[in-house]
Structure formats: C-alpha cells, structure tokens
Amino acid sequence: MKEKIGVWIDHRKAWIVIPAGKKGVNSNIMQLEPGIEEHTHVAKGVRTDITPGSNDRTAEDNHQRNIQEQLARYYDRVIENMTEAQYILIFGPGQAKAELKNRIRSQKPTWSIPEVEPADRMTSQEIVARIMQYQPYKTMSA
C-alpha cells in the first residue's frame, strides 16, 4: 500500500498523482477526462416544435440524469486508476472533489477516508508539488 496519493479534480479533468522519489520526479501522473456530452441549448426566441410544459421538464430531467450517470462513470474511472493508500488527498475547485470522496466511501469502504481541500486551477507541476508537500492529518493517540 502506498503512503499517500493525491487527486486534483473538477468536472472537466482529473489528475491522479502517486508520488515517488524525494522531489516527486518519478511520480506516476495520470490525466483523465470525463467525456461528458455538452448540453445543447435552444436560444431564446427560436421556434421549436416542442410545446412548453411537462415535455420540457422531462427532457431537462433526462438530460440531468444522463449527466449524473456520466459523472458516476467518470468517478469510477478515477477510482479504478487510483491505488489504495494510507492517506488520500482530493483537491480542486467546485463540487467534484466532495462527489469523488463520497463515491470512494461507497465503492471502497476499506480505503482510508480521503481528506478534501479547495484549490484553484493548477499546472501538473503544481499538483505534484502540492502532493509532495501534503502532510496528512494524523490523530494523536492518548
């Protein structure tokens, strides 16, 4: 089992970093993309054959459900490419980091609970540097 791994994630991209070497030069770095199809938007004032009402809501609900299914598959791919580690750090902007944490907890209950922290967009070098300097929160025994 590795000591620590890190994942920078948002809904467009994930970087998985498994540190190796003193300065992270030999780290295993993997980039994944979700492949989520874009929502097509009908511009205001454009005439369509769809009458307003329940059909619109149903189409939007179906689209939202489809996006959620695609995100679930994306998170599963991220988890498949991770290795079990004593400490897991998930960071990035937005909600994807918390969604991935919840997915890990439901899919891999034997893994340690990931730490989550906010982060802005970062280069791959900044992501590796953040993982290398990551000091896990360790509980003190009495």
C-alpha atoms as a PDB file:
ATOM      1  CA  MET A   1       0.000   0.000   0.000  1.00  0.00           C
ATOM      2  CA  LYS A   2       1.277   3.444  -0.916  1.00  0.00           C
ATOM      3  CA  GLU A   3       1.691   6.021   1.828  1.00  0.00           C
ATOM      4  CA  LYS A   4      -0.220   8.782   0.043  1.00  0.00           C
ATOM      5  CA  ILE A   5      -1.811   9.684  -3.256  1.00  0.00           C
ATOM      6  CA  GLY A   6      -3.475  12.834  -4.490  1.00  0.00           C
ATOM      7  CA  VAL A   7      -6.209  13.688  -6.941  1.00  0.00           C
ATOM      8  CA  TRP A   8      -6.864  17.146  -8.376  1.00  0.00           C
ATOM      9  CA  ILE A   9     -10.340  17.035  -9.889  1.00  0.00           C
ATOM     10  CA  ASP A  10     -13.096  19.108 -11.421  1.00  0.00           C
ATOM     11  CA  HIS A  11     -15.908  18.143 -13.791  1.00  0.00           C
ATOM     12  CA  ARG A  12     -13.634  18.542 -16.839  1.00  0.00           C
ATOM     13  CA  LYS A  13     -10.409  16.812 -15.816  1.00  0.00           C
ATOM     14  CA  ALA A  14      -8.739  14.747 -13.111  1.00  0.00           C
ATOM     15  CA  TRP A  15      -5.046  14.419 -12.310  1.00  0.00           C
ATOM     16  CA  ILE A  16      -4.074  11.374 -10.250  1.00  0.00           C
ATOM     17  CA  VAL A  17      -0.632  11.609  -8.641  1.00  0.00           C
ATOM     18  CA  ILE A  18       1.142   8.725  -6.943  1.00  0.00           C
ATOM     19  CA  PRO A  19       4.311  10.325  -5.525  1.00  0.00           C
ATOM     20  CA  ALA A  20       7.691   8.661  -5.883  1.00  0.00           C
ATOM     21  CA  GLY A  21      11.169   9.934  -5.178  1.00  0.00           C
ATOM     22  CA  LYS A  22      12.198  12.735  -2.840  1.00  0.00           C
ATOM     23  CA  LYS A  23      11.051  15.597  -5.038  1.00  0.00           C
ATOM     24  CA  GLY A  24       8.341  13.755  -6.930  1.00  0.00           C
ATOM     25  CA  VAL A  25      10.447  13.448 -10.092  1.00  0.00           C
ATOM     26  CA  ASN A  26       9.490   9.785 -10.504  1.00  0.00           C
ATOM     27  CA  SER A  27       5.837  10.287  -9.623  1.00  0.00           C
ATOM     28  CA  ASN A  28       3.197   8.381 -11.553  1.00  0.00           C
ATOM     29  CA  ILE A  29       0.880  11.037 -13.041  1.00  0.00           C
ATOM     30  CA  MET A  30      -2.292  10.245 -14.930  1.00  0.00           C
ATOM     31  CA  GLN A  31      -4.829  12.587 -16.524  1.00  0.00           C
ATOM     32  CA  LEU A  32      -8.455  11.551 -17.114  1.00  0.00           C
ATOM     33  CA  GLU A  33     -11.314  13.388 -18.791  1.00  0.00           C
ATOM     34  CA  PRO A  34     -14.987  12.621 -18.173  1.00  0.00           C
ATOM     35  CA  GLY A  35     -16.222  12.706 -21.758  1.00  0.00           C
ATOM     36  CA  ILE A  36     -19.465  14.379 -20.708  1.00  0.00           C
ATOM     37  CA  GLU A  37     -21.549  15.440 -23.675  1.00  0.00           C
ATOM     38  CA  GLU A  38     -22.392  19.115 -23.776  1.00  0.00           C
ATOM     39  CA  HIS A  39     -25.955  20.265 -23.257  1.00  0.00           C
ATOM     40  CA  THR A  40     -27.496  21.707 -26.385  1.00  0.00           C
ATOM     41  CA  HIS A  41     -29.296  24.942 -25.668  1.00  0.00           C
ATOM     42  CA  VAL A  42     -32.078  26.410 -27.742  1.00  0.00           C
ATOM     43  CA  ALA A  43     -31.625  30.160 -27.945  1.00  0.00           C
ATOM     44  CA  LYS A  44     -34.412  32.344 -26.627  1.00  0.00           C
ATOM     45  CA  GLY A  45     -36.890  33.234 -29.328  1.00  0.00           C
ATOM     46  CA  VAL A  46     -36.043  30.254 -31.530  1.00  0.00           C
ATOM     47  CA  ARG A  47     -39.178  28.415 -32.562  1.00  0.00           C
ATOM     48  CA  THR A  48     -39.311  24.669 -31.912  1.00  0.00           C
ATOM     49  CA  ASP A  49     -41.974  22.019 -32.300  1.00  0.00           C
ATOM     50  CA  ILE A  50     -41.909  21.292 -28.556  1.00  0.00           C
ATOM     51  CA  THR A  51     -44.755  22.876 -26.666  1.00  0.00           C
ATOM     52  CA  PRO A  52     -43.881  24.339 -23.262  1.00  0.00           C
ATOM     53  CA  GLY A  53     -44.769  22.270 -20.261  1.00  0.00           C
ATOM     54  CA  SER A  54     -44.101  18.794 -18.971  1.00  0.00           C
ATOM     55  CA  ASN A  55     -42.200  17.677 -22.097  1.00  0.00           C
ATOM     56  CA  ASP A  56     -39.593  20.392 -21.482  1.00  0.00           C
ATOM     57  CA  ARG A  57     -39.218  19.355 -17.854  1.00  0.00           C
ATOM     58  CA  THR A  58     -38.968  15.682 -18.792  1.00  0.00           C
ATOM     59  CA  ALA A  59     -36.266  16.402 -21.372  1.00  0.00           C
ATOM     60  CA  GLU A  60     -34.326  18.506 -18.849  1.00  0.00           C
ATOM     61  CA  ASP A  61     -34.733  15.819 -16.157  1.00  0.00           C
ATOM     62  CA  ASN A  62     -33.495  13.162 -18.572  1.00  0.00           C
ATOM     63  CA  HIS A  63     -30.536  15.341 -19.523  1.00  0.00           C
ATOM     64  CA  GLN A  64     -29.665  15.959 -15.859  1.00  0.00           C
ATOM     65  CA  ARG A  65     -29.936  12.229 -15.085  1.00  0.00           C
ATOM     66  CA  ASN A  66     -27.692  11.482 -18.070  1.00  0.00           C
ATOM     67  CA  ILE A  67     -25.051  13.938 -16.799  1.00  0.00           C
ATOM     68  CA  GLN A  68     -25.185  12.367 -13.319  1.00  0.00           C
ATOM     69  CA  GLU A  69     -24.686   8.894 -14.836  1.00  0.00           C
ATOM     70  CA  GLN A  70     -21.736  10.149 -16.883  1.00  0.00           C
ATOM     71  CA  LEU A  71     -20.183  11.752 -13.791  1.00  0.00           C
ATOM     72  CA  ALA A  72     -20.625   8.493 -11.848  1.00  0.00           C
ATOM     73  CA  ARG A  73     -18.775   6.613 -14.612  1.00  0.00           C
ATOM     74  CA  TYR A  74     -16.072   9.326 -14.593  1.00  0.00           C
ATOM     75  CA  TYR A  75     -15.595   8.986 -10.814  1.00  0.00           C
ATOM     76  CA  ASP A  76     -15.489   5.186 -11.165  1.00  0.00           C
ATOM     77  CA  ARG A  77     -12.719   5.516 -13.782  1.00  0.00           C
ATOM     78  CA  VAL A  78     -10.784   7.827 -11.452  1.00  0.00           C
ATOM     79  CA  ILE A  79     -11.149   5.311  -8.596  1.00  0.00           C
ATOM     80  CA  GLU A  80     -10.099   2.421 -10.869  1.00  0.00           C
ATOM     81  CA  ASN A  81      -6.874   4.277 -11.657  1.00  0.00           C
ATOM     82  CA  MET A  82      -6.116   5.074  -8.026  1.00  0.00           C
ATOM     83  CA  THR A  83      -4.345   2.686  -5.697  1.00  0.00           C
ATOM     84  CA  GLU A  84      -5.172   2.084  -2.091  1.00  0.00           C
ATOM     85  CA  ALA A  85      -3.122   4.410   0.073  1.00  0.00           C
ATOM     86  CA  GLN A  86      -2.765   5.177   3.734  1.00  0.00           C
ATOM     87  CA  TYR A  87      -3.613   8.827   3.015  1.00  0.00           C
ATOM     88  CA  ILE A  88      -5.657  10.257   0.143  1.00  0.00           C
ATOM     89  CA  LEU A  89      -5.877  13.965  -0.669  1.00  0.00           C
ATOM     90  CA  ILE A  90      -8.570  15.165  -3.067  1.00  0.00           C
ATOM     91  CA  PHE A  91      -8.433  18.812  -4.061  1.00  0.00           C
ATOM     92  CA  GLY A  92      -9.705  21.156  -6.748  1.00  0.00           C
ATOM     93  CA  PRO A  93     -12.373  23.762  -7.440  1.00  0.00           C
ATOM     94  CA  GLY A  94     -16.099  23.120  -7.296  1.00  0.00           C
ATOM     95  CA  GLN A  95     -18.107  20.130  -6.113  1.00  0.00           C
ATOM     96  CA  ALA A  96     -16.303  17.291  -7.894  1.00  0.00           C
ATOM     97  CA  LYS A  97     -13.888  16.699  -5.005  1.00  0.00           C
ATOM     98  CA  ALA A  98     -16.700  16.084  -2.491  1.00  0.00           C
ATOM     99  CA  GLU A  99     -18.595  13.946  -5.012  1.00  0.00           C
ATOM    100  CA  LEU A 100     -15.468  11.815  -5.584  1.00  0.00           C
ATOM    101  CA  LYS A 101     -14.917  11.462  -1.834  1.00  0.00           C
ATOM    102  CA  ASN A 102     -18.487  10.198  -1.394  1.00  0.00           C
ATOM    103  CA  ARG A 103     -18.054   7.794  -4.302  1.00  0.00           C
ATOM    104  CA  ILE A 104     -14.825   6.415  -2.789  1.00  0.00           C
ATOM    105  CA  ARG A 105     -16.519   5.938   0.573  1.00  0.00           C
ATOM    106  CA  SER A 106     -19.377   3.991  -1.049  1.00  0.00           C
ATOM    107  CA  GLN A 107     -17.265   1.998  -3.550  1.00  0.00           C
ATOM    108  CA  LYS A 108     -14.149   1.330  -1.428  1.00  0.00           C
ATOM    109  CA  PRO A 109     -15.235   1.247   2.237  1.00  0.00           C
ATOM    110  CA  THR A 110     -11.934  -0.362   3.310  1.00  0.00           C
ATOM    111  CA  TRP A 111      -9.885   2.570   1.987  1.00  0.00           C
ATOM    112  CA  SER A 112      -8.937   5.394   4.315  1.00  0.00           C
ATOM    113  CA  ILE A 113     -11.296   8.383   4.293  1.00  0.00           C
ATOM    114  CA  PRO A 114      -9.927  10.983   1.877  1.00  0.00           C
ATOM    115  CA  GLU A 115      -9.097  14.496   3.010  1.00  0.00           C
ATOM    116  CA  VAL A 116     -10.671  17.186   0.842  1.00  0.00           C
ATOM    117  CA  GLU A 117      -9.460  20.729   0.368  1.00  0.00           C
ATOM    118  CA  PRO A 118     -10.257  23.546  -2.048  1.00  0.00           C
ATOM    119  CA  ALA A 119      -7.775  24.533  -4.739  1.00  0.00           C
ATOM    120  CA  ASP A 120      -7.762  26.668  -7.856  1.00  0.00           C
ATOM    121  CA  ARG A 121      -6.664  25.547 -11.297  1.00  0.00           C
ATOM    122  CA  MET A 122      -3.099  24.260 -11.193  1.00  0.00           C
ATOM    123  CA  THR A 123      -0.425  23.075 -13.607  1.00  0.00           C
ATOM    124  CA  SER A 124       0.688  19.453 -13.436  1.00  0.00           C
ATOM    125  CA  GLN A 125       3.917  20.569 -11.724  1.00  0.00           C
ATOM    126  CA  GLU A 126       1.933  22.486  -9.082  1.00  0.00           C
ATOM    127  CA  ILE A 127      -0.281  19.438  -8.499  1.00  0.00           C
ATOM    128  CA  VAL A 128       2.745  17.166  -7.958  1.00  0.00           C
ATOM    129  CA  ALA A 129       4.347  19.772  -5.666  1.00  0.00           C
ATOM    130  CA  ARG A 130       1.135  20.010  -3.594  1.00  0.00           C
ATOM    131  CA  ILE A 131       1.007  16.228  -3.161  1.00  0.00           C
ATOM    132  CA  MET A 132       4.693  16.098  -2.215  1.00  0.00           C
ATOM    133  CA  GLN A 133       4.221  18.736   0.497  1.00  0.00           C
ATOM    134  CA  TYR A 134       0.959  17.194   1.744  1.00  0.00           C
ATOM    135  CA  GLN A 135       1.182  16.336   5.429  1.00  0.00           C
ATOM    136  CA  PRO A 136      -1.798  14.176   6.367  1.00  0.00           C
ATOM    137  CA  TYR A 137      -3.794  14.972   9.437  1.00  0.00           C
ATOM    138  CA  LYS A 138      -2.768  12.309  11.926  1.00  0.00           C
ATOM    139  CA  THR A 139      -4.763  11.687  15.066  1.00  0.00           C
ATOM    140  CA  MET A 140      -2.757  11.588  18.243  1.00  0.00           C
ATOM    141  CA  SER A 141      -3.201   8.543  20.436  1.00  0.00           C
ATOM    142  CA  ALA A 142      -3.691   9.204  24.132  1.00  0.00           C
END
